[in-house]
N, C-alpha and C. Protein backbone atom coordinates (compact mmCIF):
# COMPACT_ATOMS: atom_id res chain seq x y z
N UNK A 1 25.52 -12.80 -47.50
CA UNK A 1 26.09 -12.39 -46.24
C UNK A 1 26.60 -13.64 -45.53
N UNK A 2 27.83 -13.57 -45.02
CA UNK A 2 28.43 -14.72 -44.34
C UNK A 2 27.88 -14.91 -42.93
N UNK A 3 28.19 -16.07 -42.34
CA UNK A 3 27.72 -16.38 -40.99
C UNK A 3 28.21 -15.36 -39.97
N UNK A 4 29.46 -14.93 -40.08
CA UNK A 4 30.00 -13.95 -39.13
C UNK A 4 29.27 -12.62 -39.24
N UNK A 5 28.96 -12.20 -40.46
CA UNK A 5 28.25 -10.94 -40.65
C UNK A 5 26.83 -11.03 -40.09
N UNK A 6 26.16 -12.15 -40.31
CA UNK A 6 24.81 -12.35 -39.78
C UNK A 6 24.85 -12.35 -38.25
N UNK A 7 25.83 -13.02 -37.69
CA UNK A 7 25.98 -13.06 -36.25
C UNK A 7 26.19 -11.66 -35.69
N UNK A 8 27.04 -10.85 -36.34
CA UNK A 8 27.28 -9.47 -35.88
C UNK A 8 26.00 -8.64 -35.95
N UNK A 9 25.23 -8.81 -37.04
CA UNK A 9 23.96 -8.08 -37.18
C UNK A 9 23.00 -8.48 -36.06
N UNK A 10 22.90 -9.76 -35.78
CA UNK A 10 22.01 -10.23 -34.72
C UNK A 10 22.44 -9.71 -33.35
N UNK A 11 23.72 -9.71 -33.09
CA UNK A 11 24.23 -9.20 -31.81
C UNK A 11 23.94 -7.70 -31.68
N UNK A 12 24.19 -6.94 -32.74
CA UNK A 12 23.91 -5.50 -32.71
C UNK A 12 22.42 -5.23 -32.53
N UNK A 13 21.57 -6.02 -33.19
CA UNK A 13 20.13 -5.86 -33.03
C UNK A 13 19.71 -6.15 -31.60
N UNK A 14 20.25 -7.22 -31.02
CA UNK A 14 19.94 -7.57 -29.64
C UNK A 14 20.38 -6.46 -28.69
N UNK A 15 21.60 -5.93 -28.89
CA UNK A 15 22.08 -4.83 -28.05
C UNK A 15 21.20 -3.61 -28.17
N UNK A 16 20.77 -3.30 -29.38
CA UNK A 16 19.88 -2.14 -29.58
C UNK A 16 18.56 -2.35 -28.85
N UNK A 17 17.99 -3.54 -28.95
CA UNK A 17 16.72 -3.81 -28.29
C UNK A 17 16.85 -3.77 -26.78
N UNK A 18 17.91 -4.33 -26.24
CA UNK A 18 18.07 -4.33 -24.79
C UNK A 18 18.34 -2.93 -24.27
N UNK A 19 19.03 -2.09 -25.03
CA UNK A 19 19.29 -0.73 -24.56
C UNK A 19 18.02 0.09 -24.60
N UNK A 20 17.11 -0.17 -25.56
CA UNK A 20 15.84 0.53 -25.61
C UNK A 20 15.00 0.17 -24.40
N UNK A 21 14.90 -1.13 -24.08
CA UNK A 21 14.10 -1.52 -22.93
C UNK A 21 14.74 -1.05 -21.64
N UNK A 22 16.05 -1.03 -21.56
CA UNK A 22 16.71 -0.53 -20.35
C UNK A 22 16.47 0.96 -20.19
N UNK A 23 16.51 1.73 -21.30
CA UNK A 23 16.28 3.16 -21.17
C UNK A 23 14.84 3.44 -20.78
N UNK A 24 13.89 2.62 -21.25
CA UNK A 24 12.50 2.81 -20.85
C UNK A 24 12.33 2.57 -19.36
N UNK A 25 13.12 1.69 -18.78
CA UNK A 25 13.05 1.42 -17.36
C UNK A 25 13.88 2.41 -16.55
N UNK A 26 14.63 3.28 -17.21
CA UNK A 26 15.50 4.19 -16.48
C UNK A 26 14.89 5.58 -16.34
N UNK A 27 13.59 5.69 -16.60
CA UNK A 27 12.92 6.97 -16.41
C UNK A 27 11.48 6.71 -15.99
N UNK A 28 10.88 7.73 -15.44
CA UNK A 28 9.46 7.64 -15.12
C UNK A 28 8.67 8.20 -16.30
N UNK A 29 7.54 7.63 -16.54
CA UNK A 29 6.67 8.08 -17.61
C UNK A 29 6.12 9.46 -17.27
N UNK A 30 6.12 10.35 -18.23
CA UNK A 30 5.56 11.68 -18.05
C UNK A 30 4.04 11.59 -18.03
N UNK A 31 3.41 12.23 -17.06
CA UNK A 31 1.96 12.20 -16.95
C UNK A 31 1.32 12.87 -18.16
N UNK A 32 0.25 12.25 -18.68
CA UNK A 32 -0.49 12.81 -19.81
C UNK A 32 -1.97 12.89 -19.54
N UNK A 33 -2.52 11.80 -18.97
CA UNK A 33 -3.96 11.70 -18.75
C UNK A 33 -4.19 11.12 -17.36
N UNK A 34 -4.25 11.97 -16.37
CA UNK A 34 -4.38 11.49 -14.99
C UNK A 34 -5.74 10.86 -14.73
N UNK A 35 -6.77 11.31 -15.42
CA UNK A 35 -8.10 10.70 -15.28
C UNK A 35 -8.01 9.23 -15.65
N UNK A 36 -7.48 8.95 -16.81
CA UNK A 36 -7.36 7.57 -17.28
C UNK A 36 -6.38 6.76 -16.47
N UNK A 37 -5.25 7.37 -16.13
CA UNK A 37 -4.22 6.64 -15.38
C UNK A 37 -4.71 6.26 -13.98
N UNK A 38 -5.42 7.18 -13.31
CA UNK A 38 -5.93 6.88 -11.97
C UNK A 38 -7.01 5.81 -12.03
N UNK A 39 -7.91 5.90 -13.01
CA UNK A 39 -8.98 4.92 -13.14
C UNK A 39 -8.42 3.54 -13.47
N UNK A 40 -7.49 3.49 -14.41
CA UNK A 40 -6.87 2.23 -14.81
C UNK A 40 -6.11 1.60 -13.64
N UNK A 41 -5.35 2.42 -12.93
CA UNK A 41 -4.59 1.93 -11.78
C UNK A 41 -5.51 1.36 -10.72
N UNK A 42 -6.60 2.09 -10.42
CA UNK A 42 -7.53 1.64 -9.38
C UNK A 42 -8.20 0.33 -9.77
N UNK A 43 -8.56 0.18 -11.05
CA UNK A 43 -9.16 -1.09 -11.51
C UNK A 43 -8.20 -2.26 -11.29
N UNK A 44 -6.91 -1.98 -11.39
CA UNK A 44 -5.89 -3.02 -11.19
C UNK A 44 -5.48 -3.15 -9.73
N UNK A 45 -6.13 -2.38 -8.85
CA UNK A 45 -5.81 -2.42 -7.43
C UNK A 45 -4.53 -1.69 -7.08
N UNK A 46 -4.13 -0.75 -7.94
CA UNK A 46 -2.90 0.00 -7.72
C UNK A 46 -3.21 1.47 -7.46
N UNK A 47 -2.33 2.09 -6.70
CA UNK A 47 -2.42 3.54 -6.50
C UNK A 47 -1.56 4.21 -7.55
N UNK A 48 -1.85 5.49 -7.81
CA UNK A 48 -1.07 6.26 -8.77
C UNK A 48 -0.10 7.15 -8.00
N UNK A 49 1.19 6.90 -8.17
CA UNK A 49 2.23 7.70 -7.54
C UNK A 49 2.66 8.76 -8.54
N UNK A 50 2.58 10.03 -8.13
CA UNK A 50 3.00 11.14 -8.97
C UNK A 50 4.21 11.80 -8.33
N UNK A 51 5.30 11.82 -9.07
CA UNK A 51 6.50 12.55 -8.66
C UNK A 51 6.44 13.93 -9.29
N UNK A 52 6.41 14.96 -8.46
CA UNK A 52 6.51 16.33 -8.94
C UNK A 52 7.98 16.71 -8.86
N UNK A 53 8.57 17.00 -10.00
CA UNK A 53 10.00 17.30 -10.00
C UNK A 53 10.30 18.48 -10.91
N UNK A 54 11.50 18.99 -10.74
CA UNK A 54 11.97 20.14 -11.49
C UNK A 54 13.23 19.74 -12.24
N UNK A 55 13.33 20.05 -13.53
CA UNK A 55 14.54 19.72 -14.27
C UNK A 55 15.78 20.35 -13.61
N UNK A 56 16.84 19.58 -13.52
CA UNK A 56 18.07 20.07 -12.94
C UNK A 56 18.12 19.98 -11.42
N UNK A 57 17.05 19.52 -10.80
CA UNK A 57 16.99 19.40 -9.34
C UNK A 57 17.74 18.14 -8.92
N UNK A 58 18.87 18.27 -8.22
CA UNK A 58 19.64 17.08 -7.85
C UNK A 58 18.90 16.17 -6.87
N UNK A 59 18.07 16.73 -6.02
CA UNK A 59 17.32 15.90 -5.06
C UNK A 59 16.23 15.12 -5.79
N UNK A 60 15.62 15.75 -6.79
CA UNK A 60 14.61 15.05 -7.61
C UNK A 60 15.25 13.86 -8.30
N UNK A 61 16.43 14.08 -8.85
CA UNK A 61 17.14 13.01 -9.55
C UNK A 61 17.50 11.87 -8.59
N UNK A 62 17.91 12.21 -7.39
CA UNK A 62 18.26 11.15 -6.42
C UNK A 62 17.03 10.33 -6.04
N UNK A 63 15.91 11.00 -5.79
CA UNK A 63 14.69 10.27 -5.44
C UNK A 63 14.28 9.36 -6.59
N UNK A 64 14.34 9.89 -7.80
CA UNK A 64 13.99 9.11 -8.97
C UNK A 64 14.93 7.91 -9.11
N UNK A 65 16.24 8.16 -9.10
CA UNK A 65 17.24 7.12 -9.36
C UNK A 65 17.37 6.11 -8.21
N UNK A 66 17.37 6.59 -6.96
CA UNK A 66 17.63 5.71 -5.82
C UNK A 66 16.39 5.02 -5.26
N UNK A 67 15.22 5.58 -5.51
CA UNK A 67 14.02 5.00 -4.91
C UNK A 67 12.95 4.62 -5.94
N UNK A 68 12.50 5.57 -6.73
CA UNK A 68 11.35 5.31 -7.59
C UNK A 68 11.65 4.37 -8.75
N UNK A 69 12.78 4.55 -9.42
CA UNK A 69 13.10 3.64 -10.52
C UNK A 69 13.32 2.20 -10.05
N UNK A 70 14.05 1.98 -8.95
CA UNK A 70 14.14 0.60 -8.46
C UNK A 70 12.76 0.02 -8.08
N UNK A 71 11.90 0.86 -7.52
CA UNK A 71 10.55 0.38 -7.19
C UNK A 71 9.79 0.03 -8.47
N UNK A 72 9.91 0.86 -9.47
CA UNK A 72 9.22 0.64 -10.73
C UNK A 72 9.66 -0.65 -11.40
N UNK A 73 10.91 -1.05 -11.18
CA UNK A 73 11.42 -2.30 -11.76
C UNK A 73 11.08 -3.53 -10.91
N UNK A 74 10.59 -3.30 -9.70
CA UNK A 74 10.29 -4.39 -8.76
C UNK A 74 8.84 -4.84 -8.94
N UNK A 75 8.65 -6.13 -9.22
CA UNK A 75 7.31 -6.66 -9.49
C UNK A 75 6.35 -6.43 -8.31
N UNK A 76 6.86 -6.53 -7.10
CA UNK A 76 6.02 -6.32 -5.92
C UNK A 76 5.45 -4.91 -5.85
N UNK A 77 6.26 -3.93 -6.17
CA UNK A 77 5.78 -2.54 -6.20
C UNK A 77 4.88 -2.31 -7.41
N UNK A 78 5.28 -2.83 -8.57
CA UNK A 78 4.46 -2.63 -9.78
C UNK A 78 3.05 -3.18 -9.61
N UNK A 79 2.89 -4.20 -8.78
CA UNK A 79 1.57 -4.77 -8.53
C UNK A 79 0.71 -3.84 -7.68
N UNK A 80 1.34 -2.90 -6.99
CA UNK A 80 0.61 -2.01 -6.07
C UNK A 80 0.62 -0.55 -6.49
N UNK A 81 1.57 -0.17 -7.36
CA UNK A 81 1.79 1.25 -7.66
C UNK A 81 2.02 1.46 -9.15
N UNK A 82 1.40 2.49 -9.71
CA UNK A 82 1.70 2.97 -11.06
C UNK A 82 2.47 4.28 -10.88
N UNK A 83 3.50 4.50 -11.67
CA UNK A 83 4.40 5.64 -11.50
C UNK A 83 4.29 6.61 -12.67
N UNK A 84 4.13 7.90 -12.37
CA UNK A 84 4.20 8.95 -13.39
C UNK A 84 4.92 10.15 -12.80
N UNK A 85 5.30 11.05 -13.68
CA UNK A 85 6.05 12.23 -13.26
C UNK A 85 5.40 13.49 -13.83
N UNK A 86 5.39 14.55 -13.04
CA UNK A 86 4.93 15.87 -13.47
C UNK A 86 6.11 16.82 -13.34
N UNK A 87 6.43 17.50 -14.43
CA UNK A 87 7.50 18.50 -14.46
C UNK A 87 6.88 19.83 -14.07
N UNK A 88 7.24 20.34 -12.90
CA UNK A 88 6.58 21.51 -12.32
C UNK A 88 6.77 22.80 -13.13
N UNK A 89 7.68 22.81 -14.09
CA UNK A 89 7.91 24.00 -14.92
C UNK A 89 7.39 23.85 -16.34
N UNK A 90 6.83 22.72 -16.67
CA UNK A 90 6.49 22.41 -18.06
C UNK A 90 5.13 22.97 -18.46
N UNK A 91 5.06 23.43 -19.71
CA UNK A 91 3.79 23.84 -20.30
C UNK A 91 3.18 22.71 -21.11
N UNK A 92 3.72 21.52 -20.97
CA UNK A 92 3.19 20.34 -21.67
C UNK A 92 1.75 20.08 -21.21
N UNK A 93 0.91 19.73 -22.15
CA UNK A 93 -0.51 19.49 -21.86
C UNK A 93 -0.68 18.28 -20.96
N UNK A 94 -1.69 18.38 -20.11
CA UNK A 94 -1.99 17.32 -19.14
C UNK A 94 -3.49 17.32 -18.92
N UNK A 95 -4.10 16.15 -18.94
CA UNK A 95 -5.51 16.01 -18.58
C UNK A 95 -5.55 15.71 -17.10
N UNK A 96 -6.20 16.59 -16.32
CA UNK A 96 -6.20 16.43 -14.87
C UNK A 96 -7.24 15.40 -14.44
N UNK A 97 -7.38 15.22 -13.13
CA UNK A 97 -8.29 14.20 -12.61
C UNK A 97 -9.75 14.50 -12.93
N UNK A 98 -10.07 15.74 -13.19
CA UNK A 98 -11.43 16.11 -13.55
C UNK A 98 -11.70 16.04 -15.04
N UNK A 99 -10.68 15.65 -15.82
CA UNK A 99 -10.84 15.55 -17.26
C UNK A 99 -10.55 16.84 -18.00
N UNK A 100 -10.15 17.88 -17.26
CA UNK A 100 -9.85 19.17 -17.87
C UNK A 100 -8.43 19.21 -18.39
N UNK A 101 -8.21 19.95 -19.47
CA UNK A 101 -6.87 20.12 -20.00
C UNK A 101 -6.18 21.24 -19.24
N UNK A 102 -4.98 20.96 -18.80
CA UNK A 102 -4.16 21.91 -18.06
C UNK A 102 -2.72 21.69 -18.51
N UNK A 103 -1.78 22.21 -17.74
CA UNK A 103 -0.36 21.94 -18.01
C UNK A 103 0.24 21.30 -16.77
N UNK A 104 1.41 20.75 -16.94
CA UNK A 104 2.12 20.18 -15.79
C UNK A 104 2.31 21.25 -14.71
N UNK A 105 2.76 22.44 -15.12
CA UNK A 105 3.02 23.52 -14.15
C UNK A 105 1.76 23.94 -13.42
N UNK A 106 0.66 24.11 -14.15
CA UNK A 106 -0.61 24.51 -13.52
C UNK A 106 -1.12 23.44 -12.58
N UNK A 107 -0.97 22.18 -12.97
CA UNK A 107 -1.41 21.08 -12.12
C UNK A 107 -0.61 21.07 -10.81
N UNK A 108 0.69 21.27 -10.89
CA UNK A 108 1.53 21.31 -9.68
C UNK A 108 1.10 22.45 -8.78
N UNK A 109 0.87 23.63 -9.35
CA UNK A 109 0.42 24.79 -8.55
C UNK A 109 -0.93 24.50 -7.90
N UNK A 110 -1.84 23.90 -8.66
CA UNK A 110 -3.18 23.60 -8.13
C UNK A 110 -3.12 22.63 -6.95
N UNK A 111 -2.08 21.80 -6.89
CA UNK A 111 -1.91 20.86 -5.79
C UNK A 111 -0.97 21.38 -4.71
N UNK A 112 -0.62 22.65 -4.80
CA UNK A 112 0.18 23.29 -3.75
C UNK A 112 1.61 22.82 -3.66
N UNK A 113 2.15 22.31 -4.74
CA UNK A 113 3.53 21.80 -4.73
C UNK A 113 4.48 22.99 -4.80
N UNK A 114 5.30 23.12 -3.74
CA UNK A 114 6.26 24.22 -3.68
C UNK A 114 7.67 23.74 -3.37
N UNK A 115 7.80 22.49 -3.00
CA UNK A 115 9.09 21.91 -2.63
C UNK A 115 9.31 20.69 -3.52
N UNK A 116 10.51 20.57 -4.04
CA UNK A 116 10.81 19.49 -4.97
C UNK A 116 11.93 18.64 -4.44
N UNK A 117 11.82 17.35 -4.59
CA UNK A 117 10.72 16.59 -5.16
C UNK A 117 9.56 16.48 -4.17
N UNK A 118 8.37 16.26 -4.70
CA UNK A 118 7.21 15.92 -3.89
C UNK A 118 6.58 14.69 -4.52
N UNK A 119 6.24 13.73 -3.68
CA UNK A 119 5.55 12.51 -4.11
C UNK A 119 4.16 12.53 -3.52
N UNK A 120 3.15 12.32 -4.39
CA UNK A 120 1.77 12.21 -3.94
C UNK A 120 1.20 10.91 -4.47
N UNK A 121 0.29 10.33 -3.70
CA UNK A 121 -0.35 9.07 -4.07
C UNK A 121 -1.85 9.30 -4.20
N UNK A 122 -2.38 8.90 -5.35
CA UNK A 122 -3.77 9.16 -5.67
C UNK A 122 -4.53 7.88 -5.98
N UNK A 123 -5.84 7.97 -5.74
CA UNK A 123 -6.75 6.90 -6.13
C UNK A 123 -7.65 7.39 -7.25
N UNK A 124 -8.77 6.71 -7.45
CA UNK A 124 -9.69 7.10 -8.51
C UNK A 124 -10.17 8.53 -8.30
N UNK A 125 -10.42 9.21 -9.39
CA UNK A 125 -10.93 10.58 -9.39
C UNK A 125 -9.97 11.55 -8.70
N UNK A 126 -8.73 11.15 -8.50
CA UNK A 126 -7.73 12.06 -7.96
C UNK A 126 -7.78 12.26 -6.47
N UNK A 127 -8.43 11.35 -5.77
CA UNK A 127 -8.48 11.46 -4.30
C UNK A 127 -7.10 11.13 -3.73
N UNK A 128 -6.56 12.06 -2.94
CA UNK A 128 -5.26 11.84 -2.32
C UNK A 128 -5.40 10.80 -1.22
N UNK A 129 -4.54 9.78 -1.27
CA UNK A 129 -4.67 8.65 -0.35
C UNK A 129 -3.66 8.64 0.79
N UNK A 130 -2.72 9.55 0.76
CA UNK A 130 -1.71 9.64 1.83
C UNK A 130 -1.15 11.06 1.84
N UNK A 131 -0.55 11.39 2.94
CA UNK A 131 0.10 12.70 3.06
C UNK A 131 1.24 12.80 2.04
N UNK A 132 1.37 13.94 1.36
CA UNK A 132 2.49 14.09 0.42
C UNK A 132 3.84 13.93 1.11
N UNK A 133 4.80 13.44 0.38
CA UNK A 133 6.18 13.35 0.86
C UNK A 133 6.96 14.42 0.11
N UNK A 134 7.24 15.52 0.80
CA UNK A 134 7.84 16.69 0.16
C UNK A 134 9.29 16.85 0.58
N UNK A 135 10.15 17.10 -0.41
CA UNK A 135 11.57 17.34 -0.15
C UNK A 135 12.35 16.05 -0.02
N UNK A 136 13.64 16.23 0.14
CA UNK A 136 14.55 15.09 0.30
C UNK A 136 15.76 15.58 1.09
N UNK A 137 15.90 15.06 2.30
CA UNK A 137 17.03 15.48 3.13
C UNK A 137 18.12 14.42 3.18
N UNK A 138 17.90 13.32 2.51
CA UNK A 138 18.90 12.25 2.49
C UNK A 138 18.23 10.90 2.44
N UNK A 139 19.00 9.87 2.13
CA UNK A 139 18.43 8.54 1.92
C UNK A 139 18.13 7.76 3.20
N UNK A 140 18.59 8.23 4.36
CA UNK A 140 18.49 7.43 5.57
C UNK A 140 17.09 6.89 5.86
N UNK A 141 16.10 7.75 5.88
CA UNK A 141 14.75 7.32 6.23
C UNK A 141 13.76 7.51 5.09
N UNK A 142 14.21 8.04 3.96
CA UNK A 142 13.31 8.35 2.87
C UNK A 142 12.55 7.11 2.39
N UNK A 143 13.25 6.02 2.21
CA UNK A 143 12.60 4.79 1.76
C UNK A 143 11.51 4.32 2.71
N UNK A 144 11.77 4.44 4.00
CA UNK A 144 10.77 4.03 5.00
C UNK A 144 9.55 4.95 4.94
N UNK A 145 9.79 6.27 4.81
CA UNK A 145 8.67 7.21 4.71
C UNK A 145 7.85 6.94 3.45
N UNK A 146 8.53 6.66 2.36
CA UNK A 146 7.85 6.38 1.10
C UNK A 146 7.05 5.09 1.20
N UNK A 147 7.65 4.04 1.74
CA UNK A 147 6.93 2.77 1.92
C UNK A 147 5.71 2.94 2.82
N UNK A 148 5.86 3.72 3.88
CA UNK A 148 4.75 3.96 4.80
C UNK A 148 3.57 4.60 4.06
N UNK A 149 3.86 5.58 3.24
CA UNK A 149 2.79 6.26 2.50
C UNK A 149 2.17 5.34 1.45
N UNK A 150 3.00 4.55 0.78
CA UNK A 150 2.46 3.60 -0.20
C UNK A 150 1.54 2.59 0.49
N UNK A 151 1.99 2.04 1.62
CA UNK A 151 1.16 1.08 2.36
C UNK A 151 -0.17 1.71 2.78
N UNK A 152 -0.12 2.93 3.28
CA UNK A 152 -1.33 3.64 3.69
C UNK A 152 -2.27 3.84 2.50
N UNK A 153 -1.72 4.29 1.38
CA UNK A 153 -2.53 4.56 0.19
C UNK A 153 -3.16 3.28 -0.36
N UNK A 154 -2.38 2.22 -0.45
CA UNK A 154 -2.89 0.95 -0.96
C UNK A 154 -3.99 0.42 -0.03
N UNK A 155 -3.77 0.54 1.28
CA UNK A 155 -4.78 0.11 2.24
C UNK A 155 -6.09 0.86 2.07
N UNK A 156 -6.02 2.17 1.90
CA UNK A 156 -7.24 2.98 1.70
C UNK A 156 -7.93 2.60 0.40
N UNK A 157 -7.16 2.40 -0.65
CA UNK A 157 -7.73 2.03 -1.94
C UNK A 157 -8.47 0.70 -1.84
N UNK A 158 -7.90 -0.24 -1.17
CA UNK A 158 -8.52 -1.59 -1.07
C UNK A 158 -9.74 -1.60 -0.17
N UNK A 159 -9.82 -0.65 0.76
CA UNK A 159 -11.00 -0.57 1.64
C UNK A 159 -12.18 0.12 0.95
N UNK A 160 -11.92 0.81 -0.15
CA UNK A 160 -13.00 1.54 -0.85
C UNK A 160 -13.93 0.61 -1.56
């Protein structure tokens, strides 16, 4: 293989690797084990942020794209918050805060989620650390409301 061919292979490999890491940063992780995620987050001094969303919901997508994904990429937020997502219509298996197997949809119903998107912040054992942020009426004050709840949740977690 010639130098040009090797160079092309290396460039293509690099592009493939960077697109994989970029795509991983362009979505929120789907919740699987909230017991473990909440305990792990608390040990690291972080709260667990759960986005309850519905597929095809334009407001859910805006909250995810304009607020949560940029926060997830920001080292300052990552030091304080772990991010996961619950699909309110999904029958995908989920281990809840009590260690019981449920589904995303059942978990959302059990937490009274009726408006999408809804953001909740949890500590160890699934204790809610701030008032839920339900709905999205626009970007004007959403970031401030979200920051306020994160600050409140992190403060409560650190006082425990």
